[in-house]
Amino acid sequence: MHFVDAKGILTGSAGRYGMNIYRGCSHGCIYCDSRSTCYQFTHPFEDIEVKQNAPELLEKALRSKRRRCMIGTGSMSDPYMHCEEQLQLTRRCLEIILENGFGVAVQTKSDRILRDTDLLDEINRTAKCVVQITLTTYDDELCSIVEPNVCSTKRRIEVLEKMQERGIPTIVWMTPILPFINDTVENITAILEECARVGVKGIIDFGMGLTLREGDREYYYAALDRHFPGLKEQYIRQYGNSYELPSPNAAELRSVFRRFCKEHGIMCDPDECFSYMSELPDRYQQTSLFDI
């Protein structure tokens, strides 16, 4: 872990802003796209870059906005990695979001988010809060291989349940689905049934497969050699150097997914889910006198 003073914290355009307080990750997920060389890391991925001035930058940025909107976090780096326990930068940023009347959409794989339910509750009461949890592998033994340094799928489902009890809407990222590993009807159905049980608002899937590019591919293939001997060679034969690697079962899995979501009234179109997460109710988009 190392500390830097960032020049800015928000990305995006009016009405759709995102922030990443950390850069890199300690979760160790074997498929992580953020490892790709296109993101131009100049330090080891596990050597977390901490934007120590993130709260100050965020407060300055939000005070300059004329209209309230949703602030997303977690798209590139989980805001609830292990270092957040001590640093509490995510918590401080949530406090600033609350103080300034903005909404928040948080994406994580960690149950550490439960520490901040007081703030998430208040943001959801005064504006809007959406909690996003990634679920890829229902079997916890397999999950511990695919996502080794993060809480189990069962525990993440408990997080979803606790958010539901508090009236905080949730979105599940059921992606990536790894060919020949977790791309089964049994796995998808088990996750879907739990999503319905705990009342998730929407589920995001990008075609029942995964993507690999330089940097990410090498890490993933090394993990396959360690945990699934011979599978790397099967991937190479099937996909070559393709960026998109759909499961051979993709059509069947998509059919199961869409039918289930339709039957249970769960959003399943990615654009619809993203639109929901980026929309702040009109009554909270007022212009402050201090912004004029």
C-alpha atoms as a PDB file:
ATOM      1  CA  MET A   1       0.000   0.000   0.000  1.00  0.00           C
ATOM      2  CA  HIS A   2       1.243   3.459  -0.845  1.00  0.00           C
ATOM      3  CA  PHE A   3      -0.249   6.938  -0.618  1.00  0.00           C
ATOM      4  CA  VAL A   4      -0.626   9.627  -3.260  1.00  0.00           C
ATOM      5  CA  ASP A   5      -2.227  13.041  -3.562  1.00  0.00           C
ATOM      6  CA  ALA A   6      -4.590  12.775  -6.519  1.00  0.00           C
ATOM      7  CA  LYS A   7      -5.355  15.708  -8.811  1.00  0.00           C
ATOM      8  CA  GLY A   8      -9.040  14.843  -9.070  1.00  0.00           C
ATOM      9  CA  ILE A   9     -11.545  12.289  -7.781  1.00  0.00           C
ATOM     10  CA  LEU A  10     -14.660  12.450  -9.976  1.00  0.00           C
ATOM     11  CA  THR A  11     -14.889  11.135 -13.521  1.00  0.00           C
ATOM     12  CA  GLY A  12     -17.779  11.310 -15.970  1.00  0.00           C
ATOM     13  CA  SER A  13     -20.117  14.095 -16.996  1.00  0.00           C
ATOM     14  CA  ALA A  14     -23.017  15.993 -15.467  1.00  0.00           C
ATOM     15  CA  GLY A  15     -25.509  13.635 -13.884  1.00  0.00           C
ATOM     16  CA  ARG A  16     -23.246  10.542 -13.983  1.00  0.00           C
ATOM     17  CA  TYR A  17     -20.133  10.780 -11.866  1.00  0.00           C
ATOM     18  CA  GLY A  18     -17.883   8.022 -10.605  1.00  0.00           C
ATOM     19  CA  MET A  19     -14.987   7.884  -8.185  1.00  0.00           C
ATOM     20  CA  ASN A  20     -12.302   5.392  -7.213  1.00  0.00           C
ATOM     21  CA  ILE A  21     -10.669   6.086  -3.875  1.00  0.00           C
ATOM     22  CA  TYR A  22      -8.203   3.234  -4.290  1.00  0.00           C
ATOM     23  CA  ARG A  23      -6.293   1.863  -7.288  1.00  0.00           C
ATOM     24  CA  GLY A  24      -5.447  -1.818  -7.433  1.00  0.00           C
ATOM     25  CA  CYS A  25      -7.117  -4.501  -5.343  1.00  0.00           C
ATOM     26  CA  SER A  26      -6.387  -7.103  -2.668  1.00  0.00           C
ATOM     27  CA  HIS A  27      -9.330  -9.437  -3.433  1.00  0.00           C
ATOM     28  CA  GLY A  28      -7.299 -11.620  -5.805  1.00  0.00           C
ATOM     29  CA  CYS A  29     -10.169 -12.533  -8.155  1.00  0.00           C
ATOM     30  CA  ILE A  30      -8.638 -14.639 -10.911  1.00  0.00           C
ATOM     31  CA  TYR A  31     -10.602 -12.908 -13.694  1.00  0.00           C
ATOM     32  CA  CYS A  32     -10.129  -9.239 -12.753  1.00  0.00           C
ATOM     33  CA  ASP A  33     -10.235  -6.998 -15.835  1.00  0.00           C
ATOM     34  CA  SER A  34      -8.676  -4.129 -13.897  1.00  0.00           C
ATOM     35  CA  ARG A  35      -5.321  -5.930 -14.165  1.00  0.00           C
ATOM     36  CA  SER A  36      -5.275  -5.303 -17.910  1.00  0.00           C
ATOM     37  CA  THR A  37      -2.293  -3.365 -19.203  1.00  0.00           C
ATOM     38  CA  CYS A  38      -4.586  -0.819 -20.868  1.00  0.00           C
ATOM     39  CA  TYR A  39      -5.111   0.734 -17.428  1.00  0.00           C
ATOM     40  CA  GLN A  40      -1.393   1.553 -17.287  1.00  0.00           C
ATOM     41  CA  PHE A  41      -0.546   0.545 -13.748  1.00  0.00           C
ATOM     42  CA  THR A  42       2.940   1.676 -12.794  1.00  0.00           C
ATOM     43  CA  HIS A  43       2.966  -0.353  -9.573  1.00  0.00           C
ATOM     44  CA  PRO A  44       2.093  -3.954  -8.668  1.00  0.00           C
ATOM     45  CA  PHE A  45      -1.674  -4.472  -8.684  1.00  0.00           C
ATOM     46  CA  GLU A  46      -1.720  -5.675  -5.050  1.00  0.00           C
ATOM     47  CA  ASP A  47       0.270  -2.605  -3.922  1.00  0.00           C
ATOM     48  CA  ILE A  48      -2.849  -0.531  -3.358  1.00  0.00           C
ATOM     49  CA  GLU A  49      -2.597   3.103  -4.373  1.00  0.00           C
ATOM     50  CA  VAL A  50      -4.469   5.161  -1.792  1.00  0.00           C
ATOM     51  CA  LYS A  51      -5.761   8.562  -2.848  1.00  0.00           C
ATOM     52  CA  GLN A  52      -5.293  10.027   0.596  1.00  0.00           C
ATOM     53  CA  ASN A  53      -6.806  13.389  -0.321  1.00  0.00           C
ATOM     54  CA  ALA A  54      -9.958  11.825  -1.794  1.00  0.00           C
ATOM     55  CA  PRO A  55     -12.327  13.286   0.840  1.00  0.00           C
ATOM     56  CA  GLU A  56     -11.001  16.824   0.350  1.00  0.00           C
ATOM     57  CA  LEU A  57     -11.221  16.513  -3.434  1.00  0.00           C
ATOM     58  CA  LEU A  58     -14.745  15.117  -3.237  1.00  0.00           C
ATOM     59  CA  GLU A  59     -15.991  17.841  -0.928  1.00  0.00           C
ATOM     60  CA  LYS A  60     -14.588  20.540  -3.209  1.00  0.00           C
ATOM     61  CA  ALA A  61     -16.064  18.880  -6.302  1.00  0.00           C
ATOM     62  CA  LEU A  62     -19.547  18.381  -4.851  1.00  0.00           C
ATOM     63  CA  ARG A  63     -19.760  21.932  -3.568  1.00  0.00           C
ATOM     64  CA  SER A  64     -19.162  23.166  -7.109  1.00  0.00           C
ATOM     65  CA  LYS A  65     -22.007  21.136  -8.664  1.00  0.00           C
ATOM     66  CA  ARG A  66     -25.166  23.039  -9.487  1.00  0.00           C
ATOM     67  CA  ARG A  67     -27.391  19.972  -9.479  1.00  0.00           C
ATOM     68  CA  ARG A  68     -27.475  16.996  -7.158  1.00  0.00           C
ATOM     69  CA  CYS A  69     -26.900  13.610  -8.778  1.00  0.00           C
ATOM     70  CA  MET A  70     -25.762  10.048  -8.098  1.00  0.00           C
ATOM     71  CA  ILE A  71     -22.105   9.311  -7.332  1.00  0.00           C
ATOM     72  CA  GLY A  72     -20.930   5.823  -8.248  1.00  0.00           C
ATOM     73  CA  THR A  73     -17.959   4.033  -6.713  1.00  0.00           C
ATOM     74  CA  GLY A  74     -16.411   0.586  -7.085  1.00  0.00           C
ATOM     75  CA  SER A  75     -16.270   0.157 -10.852  1.00  0.00           C
ATOM     76  CA  MET A  76     -12.485  -0.228 -11.020  1.00  0.00           C
ATOM     77  CA  SER A  77     -11.430  -0.839  -7.439  1.00  0.00           C
ATOM     78  CA  ASP A  78     -13.511  -2.140  -4.537  1.00  0.00           C
ATOM     79  CA  PRO A  79     -14.141   0.642  -1.985  1.00  0.00           C
ATOM     80  CA  TYR A  80     -14.260  -1.952   0.815  1.00  0.00           C
ATOM     81  CA  MET A  81     -10.916  -3.683   0.428  1.00  0.00           C
ATOM     82  CA  HIS A  82      -9.004  -4.793   3.509  1.00  0.00           C
ATOM     83  CA  CYS A  83      -7.222  -1.441   3.902  1.00  0.00           C
ATOM     84  CA  GLU A  84     -10.546   0.384   4.266  1.00  0.00           C
ATOM     85  CA  GLU A  85     -10.904  -1.101   7.757  1.00  0.00           C
ATOM     86  CA  GLN A  86      -8.146   1.170   9.028  1.00  0.00           C
ATOM     87  CA  LEU A  87      -8.196   4.058   6.537  1.00  0.00           C
ATOM     88  CA  GLN A  88     -11.980   4.631   6.437  1.00  0.00           C
ATOM     89  CA  LEU A  89     -11.695   6.848   3.357  1.00  0.00           C
ATOM     90  CA  THR A  90     -14.843   5.340   1.849  1.00  0.00           C
ATOM     91  CA  ARG A  91     -16.746   6.114   5.017  1.00  0.00           C
ATOM     92  CA  ARG A  92     -15.550   9.706   5.017  1.00  0.00           C
ATOM     93  CA  CYS A  93     -16.565  10.101   1.370  1.00  0.00           C
ATOM     94  CA  LEU A  94     -20.019   8.747   2.179  1.00  0.00           C
ATOM     95  CA  GLU A  95     -20.309  11.337   4.931  1.00  0.00           C
ATOM     96  CA  ILE A  96     -19.453  14.071   2.422  1.00  0.00           C
ATOM     97  CA  ILE A  97     -21.992  12.729  -0.070  1.00  0.00           C
ATOM     98  CA  LEU A  98     -24.637  12.789   2.658  1.00  0.00           C
ATOM     99  CA  GLU A  99     -23.691  16.277   3.845  1.00  0.00           C
ATOM    100  CA  ASN A 100     -23.997  17.651   0.324  1.00  0.00           C
ATOM    101  CA  GLY A 101     -27.313  15.990  -0.541  1.00  0.00           C
ATOM    102  CA  PHE A 102     -26.080  13.635  -3.275  1.00  0.00           C
ATOM    103  CA  GLY A 103     -27.028  10.005  -3.883  1.00  0.00           C
ATOM    104  CA  VAL A 104     -24.639   7.065  -4.112  1.00  0.00           C
ATOM    105  CA  ALA A 105     -24.340   3.743  -5.924  1.00  0.00           C
ATOM    106  CA  VAL A 106     -21.738   1.486  -4.282  1.00  0.00           C
ATOM    107  CA  GLN A 107     -20.338  -1.652  -5.927  1.00  0.00           C
ATOM    108  CA  THR A 108     -18.506  -4.192  -3.762  1.00  0.00           C
ATOM    109  CA  LYS A 109     -17.839  -7.855  -3.039  1.00  0.00           C
ATOM    110  CA  SER A 110     -17.179  -7.216   0.650  1.00  0.00           C
ATOM    111  CA  ASP A 111     -19.316  -7.468   3.765  1.00  0.00           C
ATOM    112  CA  ARG A 112     -17.326  -4.550   5.191  1.00  0.00           C
ATOM    113  CA  ILE A 113     -20.018  -2.370   3.662  1.00  0.00           C
ATOM    114  CA  LEU A 114     -22.211  -3.337   6.626  1.00  0.00           C
ATOM    115  CA  ARG A 115     -20.067  -1.095   8.817  1.00  0.00           C
ATOM    116  CA  ASP A 116     -21.511   1.907   6.982  1.00  0.00           C
ATOM    117  CA  THR A 117     -25.204   1.001   6.983  1.00  0.00           C
ATOM    118  CA  ASP A 118     -25.933   4.034   9.157  1.00  0.00           C
ATOM    119  CA  LEU A 119     -24.686   6.344   6.402  1.00  0.00           C
ATOM    120  CA  LEU A 120     -26.232   4.301   3.596  1.00  0.00           C
ATOM    121  CA  ASP A 121     -29.574   4.423   5.416  1.00  0.00           C
ATOM    122  CA  GLU A 122     -29.425   8.189   5.770  1.00  0.00           C
ATOM    123  CA  ILE A 123     -28.353   8.759   2.157  1.00  0.00           C
ATOM    124  CA  ASN A 124     -31.217   6.551   0.992  1.00  0.00           C
ATOM    125  CA  ARG A 125     -33.633   8.522   3.147  1.00  0.00           C
ATOM    126  CA  THR A 126     -32.487  11.964   2.009  1.00  0.00           C
ATOM    127  CA  ALA A 127     -31.560  11.151  -1.601  1.00  0.00           C
ATOM    128  CA  LYS A 128     -30.956   7.649  -2.975  1.00  0.00           C
ATOM    129  CA  CYS A 129     -28.592   4.770  -2.255  1.00  0.00           C
ATOM    130  CA  VAL A 130     -28.101   1.642  -4.370  1.00  0.00           C
ATOM    131  CA  VAL A 131     -25.854  -1.202  -3.189  1.00  0.00           C
ATOM    132  CA  GLN A 132     -24.371  -3.448  -5.879  1.00  0.00           C
ATOM    133  CA  ILE A 133     -22.979  -6.874  -5.017  1.00  0.00           C
ATOM    134  CA  THR A 134     -21.128  -9.249  -7.355  1.00  0.00           C
ATOM    135  CA  LEU A 135     -22.259 -12.898  -7.289  1.00  0.00           C
ATOM    136  CA  THR A 136     -20.646 -15.289  -9.759  1.00  0.00           C
ATOM    137  CA  THR A 137     -20.239 -18.638  -8.028  1.00  0.00           C
ATOM    138  CA  TYR A 138     -22.836 -20.105  -5.665  1.00  0.00           C
ATOM    139  CA  ASP A 139     -20.648 -22.953  -4.392  1.00  0.00           C
ATOM    140  CA  ASP A 140     -18.474 -21.440  -1.681  1.00  0.00           C
ATOM    141  CA  GLU A 141     -15.598 -23.892  -2.155  1.00  0.00           C
ATOM    142  CA  LEU A 142     -15.343 -22.952  -5.827  1.00  0.00           C
ATOM    143  CA  CYS A 143     -15.874 -19.302  -4.939  1.00  0.00           C
ATOM    144  CA  SER A 144     -12.830 -19.430  -2.650  1.00  0.00           C
ATOM    145  CA  ILE A 145     -10.726 -20.378  -5.693  1.00  0.00           C
ATOM    146  CA  VAL A 146     -12.218 -17.876  -8.119  1.00  0.00           C
ATOM    147  CA  GLU A 147     -12.449 -14.986  -5.613  1.00  0.00           C
ATOM    148  CA  PRO A 148      -9.975 -16.022  -2.911  1.00  0.00           C
ATOM    149  CA  ASN A 149      -9.569 -12.993  -0.635  1.00  0.00           C
ATOM    150  CA  VAL A 150     -13.142 -11.861  -0.256  1.00  0.00           C
ATOM    151  CA  CYS A 151     -16.149 -13.032   1.744  1.00  0.00           C
ATOM    152  CA  SER A 152     -18.153 -16.017   0.511  1.00  0.00           C
ATOM    153  CA  THR A 153     -21.141 -15.857  -1.809  1.00  0.00           C
ATOM    154  CA  LYS A 154     -23.403 -16.878   1.087  1.00  0.00           C
ATOM    155  CA  ARG A 155     -22.128 -13.957   3.137  1.00  0.00           C
ATOM    156  CA  ARG A 156     -22.678 -11.547   0.243  1.00  0.00           C
ATOM    157  CA  ILE A 157     -26.245 -12.808  -0.028  1.00  0.00           C
ATOM    158  CA  GLU A 158     -26.634 -11.991   3.669  1.00  0.00           C
ATOM    159  CA  VAL A 159     -25.468  -8.445   2.864  1.00  0.00           C
ATOM    160  CA  LEU A 160     -28.157  -8.190   0.186  1.00  0.00           C
ATOM    161  CA  GLU A 161     -30.727  -9.446   2.665  1.00  0.00           C
ATOM    162  CA  LYS A 162     -29.715  -6.885   5.287  1.00  0.00           C
ATOM    163  CA  MET A 163     -29.967  -4.097   2.722  1.00  0.00           C
ATOM    164  CA  GLN A 164     -33.422  -5.298   1.736  1.00  0.00           C
ATOM    165  CA  GLU A 165     -34.501  -5.233   5.385  1.00  0.00           C
ATOM    166  CA  ARG A 166     -33.449  -1.575   5.530  1.00  0.00           C
ATOM    167  CA  GLY A 167     -35.216  -0.653   2.300  1.00  0.00           C
ATOM    168  CA  ILE A 168     -31.970  -0.002   0.419  1.00  0.00           C
ATOM    169  CA  PRO A 169     -32.347  -1.150  -3.223  1.00  0.00           C
ATOM    170  CA  THR A 170     -29.799  -3.656  -4.525  1.00  0.00           C
ATOM    171  CA  ILE A 171     -28.362  -4.663  -7.882  1.00  0.00           C
ATOM    172  CA  VAL A 172     -26.447  -7.911  -8.455  1.00  0.00           C
ATOM    173  CA  TRP A 173     -23.597  -8.226 -10.956  1.00  0.00           C
ATOM    174  CA  MET A 174     -23.775 -11.849 -12.122  1.00  0.00           C
ATOM    175  CA  THR A 175     -20.640 -11.520 -14.178  1.00  0.00           C
ATOM    176  CA  PRO A 176     -18.245 -12.831 -15.287  1.00  0.00           C
ATOM    177  CA  ILE A 177     -19.414 -16.376 -15.853  1.00  0.00           C
ATOM    178  CA  LEU A 178     -16.335 -18.511 -16.507  1.00  0.00           C
ATOM    179  CA  PRO A 179     -16.489 -21.103 -19.301  1.00  0.00           C
ATOM    180  CA  PHE A 180     -16.102 -24.698 -18.047  1.00  0.00           C
ATOM    181  CA  ILE A 181     -15.957 -23.503 -14.411  1.00  0.00           C
ATOM    182  CA  ASN A 182     -19.207 -21.921 -13.190  1.00  0.00           C
ATOM    183  CA  ASP A 183     -21.206 -21.807 -16.424  1.00  0.00           C
ATOM    184  CA  THR A 184     -23.891 -24.303 -15.394  1.00  0.00           C
ATOM    185  CA  VAL A 185     -27.646 -24.046 -15.141  1.00  0.00           C
ATOM    186  CA  GLU A 186     -27.351 -25.213 -11.526  1.00  0.00           C
ATOM    187  CA  ASN A 187     -25.016 -22.358 -10.597  1.00  0.00           C
ATOM    188  CA  ILE A 188     -27.032 -19.676 -12.384  1.00  0.00           C
ATOM    189  CA  THR A 189     -30.336 -20.943 -11.008  1.00  0.00           C
ATOM    190  CA  ALA A 190     -29.029 -21.073  -7.431  1.00  0.00           C
ATOM    191  CA  ILE A 191     -27.868 -17.463  -7.623  1.00  0.00           C
ATOM    192  CA  LEU A 192     -31.110 -16.321  -9.240  1.00  0.00           C
ATOM    193  CA  GLU A 193     -33.251 -17.998  -6.600  1.00  0.00           C
ATOM    194  CA  GLU A 194     -31.353 -16.235  -3.844  1.00  0.00           C
ATOM    195  CA  CYS A 195     -31.657 -12.920  -5.673  1.00  0.00           C
ATOM    196  CA  ALA A 196     -35.418 -13.348  -5.825  1.00  0.00           C
ATOM    197  CA  ARG A 197     -35.582 -14.389  -2.178  1.00  0.00           C
ATOM    198  CA  VAL A 198     -33.782 -11.291  -0.944  1.00  0.00           C
ATOM    199  CA  GLY A 199     -35.650  -8.966  -3.299  1.00  0.00           C
ATOM    200  CA  VAL A 200     -32.935  -7.542  -5.539  1.00  0.00           C
ATOM    201  CA  LYS A 201     -34.037  -4.772  -7.887  1.00  0.00           C
ATOM    202  CA  GLY A 202     -31.985  -5.876 -10.880  1.00  0.00           C
ATOM    203  CA  ILE A 203     -29.320  -8.289 -12.101  1.00  0.00           C
ATOM    204  CA  ILE A 204     -26.602  -7.377 -14.592  1.00  0.00           C
ATOM    205  CA  ASP A 205     -25.206  -9.963 -17.014  1.00  0.00           C
ATOM    206  CA  PHE A 206     -23.065  -9.332 -20.087  1.00  0.00           C
ATOM    207  CA  GLY A 207     -23.725 -12.464 -22.119  1.00  0.00           C
ATOM    208  CA  MET A 208     -22.721 -15.348 -19.847  1.00  0.00           C
ATOM    209  CA  GLY A 209     -18.989 -15.304 -20.387  1.00  0.00           C
ATOM    210  CA  LEU A 210     -15.922 -13.241 -19.605  1.00  0.00           C
ATOM    211  CA  THR A 211     -13.472 -10.930 -21.324  1.00  0.00           C
ATOM    212  CA  LEU A 212      -9.701 -11.280 -21.390  1.00  0.00           C
ATOM    213  CA  ARG A 213      -7.063  -8.880 -22.611  1.00  0.00           C
ATOM    214  CA  GLU A 214      -3.339  -8.387 -22.127  1.00  0.00           C
ATOM    215  CA  GLY A 215      -2.359  -8.482 -18.481  1.00  0.00           C
ATOM    216  CA  ASP A 216      -5.670  -9.956 -17.367  1.00  0.00           C
ATOM    217  CA  ARG A 217      -5.293 -13.002 -19.661  1.00  0.00           C
ATOM    218  CA  GLU A 218      -1.868 -13.964 -18.348  1.00  0.00           C
ATOM    219  CA  TYR A 219      -2.997 -13.756 -14.722  1.00  0.00           C
ATOM    220  CA  TYR A 220      -6.130 -15.771 -15.436  1.00  0.00           C
ATOM    221  CA  TYR A 221      -4.283 -18.486 -17.318  1.00  0.00           C
ATOM    222  CA  ALA A 222      -1.728 -18.820 -14.512  1.00  0.00           C
ATOM    223  CA  ALA A 223      -4.633 -19.334 -12.102  1.00  0.00           C
ATOM    224  CA  LEU A 224      -6.125 -21.984 -14.395  1.00  0.00           C
ATOM    225  CA  ASP A 225      -2.788 -23.844 -14.386  1.00  0.00           C
ATOM    226  CA  ARG A 226      -2.750 -23.799 -10.574  1.00  0.00           C
ATOM    227  CA  HIS A 227      -6.337 -24.784  -9.919  1.00  0.00           C
ATOM    228  CA  PHE A 228      -7.705 -26.374 -13.109  1.00  0.00           C
ATOM    229  CA  PRO A 229      -4.852 -28.265 -14.842  1.00  0.00           C
ATOM    230  CA  GLY A 230      -5.381 -28.603 -18.592  1.00  0.00           C
ATOM    231  CA  LEU A 231      -8.136 -26.002 -18.779  1.00  0.00           C
ATOM    232  CA  LYS A 232      -5.865 -23.276 -20.156  1.00  0.00           C
ATOM    233  CA  GLU A 233      -5.159 -25.404 -23.202  1.00  0.00           C
ATOM    234  CA  GLN A 234      -8.897 -25.918 -23.704  1.00  0.00           C
ATOM    235  CA  TYR A 235      -9.420 -22.139 -23.568  1.00  0.00           C
ATOM    236  CA  ILE A 236      -6.687 -21.561 -26.150  1.00  0.00           C
ATOM    237  CA  ARG A 237      -8.177 -24.138 -28.495  1.00  0.00           C
ATOM    238  CA  GLN A 238     -11.683 -22.746 -28.085  1.00  0.00           C
ATOM    239  CA  TYR A 239     -11.032 -19.000 -28.014  1.00  0.00           C
ATOM    240  CA  GLY A 240      -7.488 -18.239 -29.170  1.00  0.00           C
ATOM    241  CA  ASN A 241      -6.710 -14.632 -28.203  1.00  0.00           C
ATOM    242  CA  SER A 242     -10.310 -13.422 -28.405  1.00  0.00           C
ATOM    243  CA  TYR A 243     -11.376 -10.573 -26.147  1.00  0.00           C
ATOM    244  CA  GLU A 244     -14.864 -12.006 -25.603  1.00  0.00           C
ATOM    245  CA  LEU A 245     -15.117 -15.588 -24.332  1.00  0.00           C
ATOM    246  CA  PRO A 246     -18.783 -16.622 -24.196  1.00  0.00           C
ATOM    247  CA  SER A 247     -19.655 -19.845 -22.441  1.00  0.00           C
ATOM    248  CA  PRO A 248     -20.533 -22.721 -24.801  1.00  0.00           C
ATOM    249  CA  ASN A 249     -23.741 -22.817 -22.720  1.00  0.00           C
ATOM    250  CA  ALA A 250     -24.396 -19.084 -23.128  1.00  0.00           C
ATOM    251  CA  ALA A 251     -27.655 -19.369 -25.088  1.00  0.00           C
ATOM    252  CA  GLU A 252     -29.208 -21.768 -22.580  1.00  0.00           C
ATOM    253  CA  LEU A 253     -27.980 -19.753 -19.592  1.00  0.00           C
ATOM    254  CA  ARG A 254     -29.286 -16.474 -21.030  1.00  0.00           C
ATOM    255  CA  SER A 255     -32.659 -18.085 -21.639  1.00  0.00           C
ATOM    256  CA  VAL A 256     -32.835 -19.339 -18.049  1.00  0.00           C
ATOM    257  CA  PHE A 257     -31.722 -15.931 -16.781  1.00  0.00           C
ATOM    258  CA  ARG A 258     -34.191 -13.848 -18.779  1.00  0.00           C
ATOM    259  CA  ARG A 259     -37.130 -16.140 -18.125  1.00  0.00           C
ATOM    260  CA  PHE A 260     -36.462 -16.165 -14.375  1.00  0.00           C
ATOM    261  CA  CYS A 261     -36.106 -12.388 -14.167  1.00  0.00           C
ATOM    262  CA  LYS A 262     -39.296 -11.835 -16.148  1.00  0.00           C
ATOM    263  CA  GLU A 263     -41.237 -14.233 -13.907  1.00  0.00           C
ATOM    264  CA  HIS A 264     -39.983 -12.501 -10.755  1.00  0.00           C
ATOM    265  CA  GLY A 265     -40.170  -8.890 -11.899  1.00  0.00           C
ATOM    266  CA  ILE A 266     -36.412  -8.329 -11.718  1.00  0.00           C
ATOM    267  CA  MET A 267     -34.697  -5.882 -14.090  1.00  0.00           C
ATOM    268  CA  CYS A 268     -32.261  -7.753 -16.326  1.00  0.00           C
ATOM    269  CA  ASP A 269     -31.392  -5.350 -19.126  1.00  0.00           C
ATOM    270  CA  PRO A 270     -28.007  -3.727 -18.321  1.00  0.00           C
ATOM    271  CA  ASP A 271     -29.055  -0.350 -19.728  1.00  0.00           C
ATOM    272  CA  GLU A 272     -32.174  -0.367 -17.564  1.00  0.00           C
ATOM    273  CA  CYS A 273     -30.124  -1.225 -14.480  1.00  0.00           C
ATOM    274  CA  PHE A 274     -27.567   1.498 -15.206  1.00  0.00           C
ATOM    275  CA  SER A 275     -30.326   4.012 -15.857  1.00  0.00           C
ATOM    276  CA  TYR A 276     -31.935   3.161 -12.523  1.00  0.00           C
ATOM    277  CA  MET A 277     -28.626   3.532 -10.671  1.00  0.00           C
ATOM    278  CA  SER A 278     -27.848   6.890 -12.278  1.00  0.00           C
ATOM    279  CA  GLU A 279     -31.250   8.507 -11.720  1.00  0.00           C
ATOM    280  CA  LEU A 280     -31.769  10.681  -8.672  1.00  0.00           C
ATOM    281  CA  PRO A 281     -35.426  11.462  -7.929  1.00  0.00           C
ATOM    282  CA  ASP A 282     -36.392  14.915  -9.206  1.00  0.00           C
ATOM    283  CA  ARG A 283     -37.136  16.294  -5.770  1.00  0.00           C
ATOM    284  CA  TYR A 284     -33.458  15.876  -4.830  1.00  0.00           C
ATOM    285  CA  GLN A 285     -32.022  17.592  -7.912  1.00  0.00           C
ATOM    286  CA  GLN A 286     -32.781  21.074  -6.701  1.00  0.00           C
ATOM    287  CA  THR A 287     -30.295  23.878  -7.190  1.00  0.00           C
ATOM    288  CA  SER A 288     -28.872  25.203  -3.961  1.00  0.00           C
ATOM    289  CA  LEU A 289     -28.796  28.949  -3.305  1.00  0.00           C
ATOM    290  CA  PHE A 290     -25.096  28.526  -2.644  1.00  0.00           C
ATOM    291  CA  ASP A 291     -24.597  27.157  -6.183  1.00  0.00           C
ATOM    292  CA  ILE A 292     -25.971  30.243  -7.922  1.00  0.00           C
END
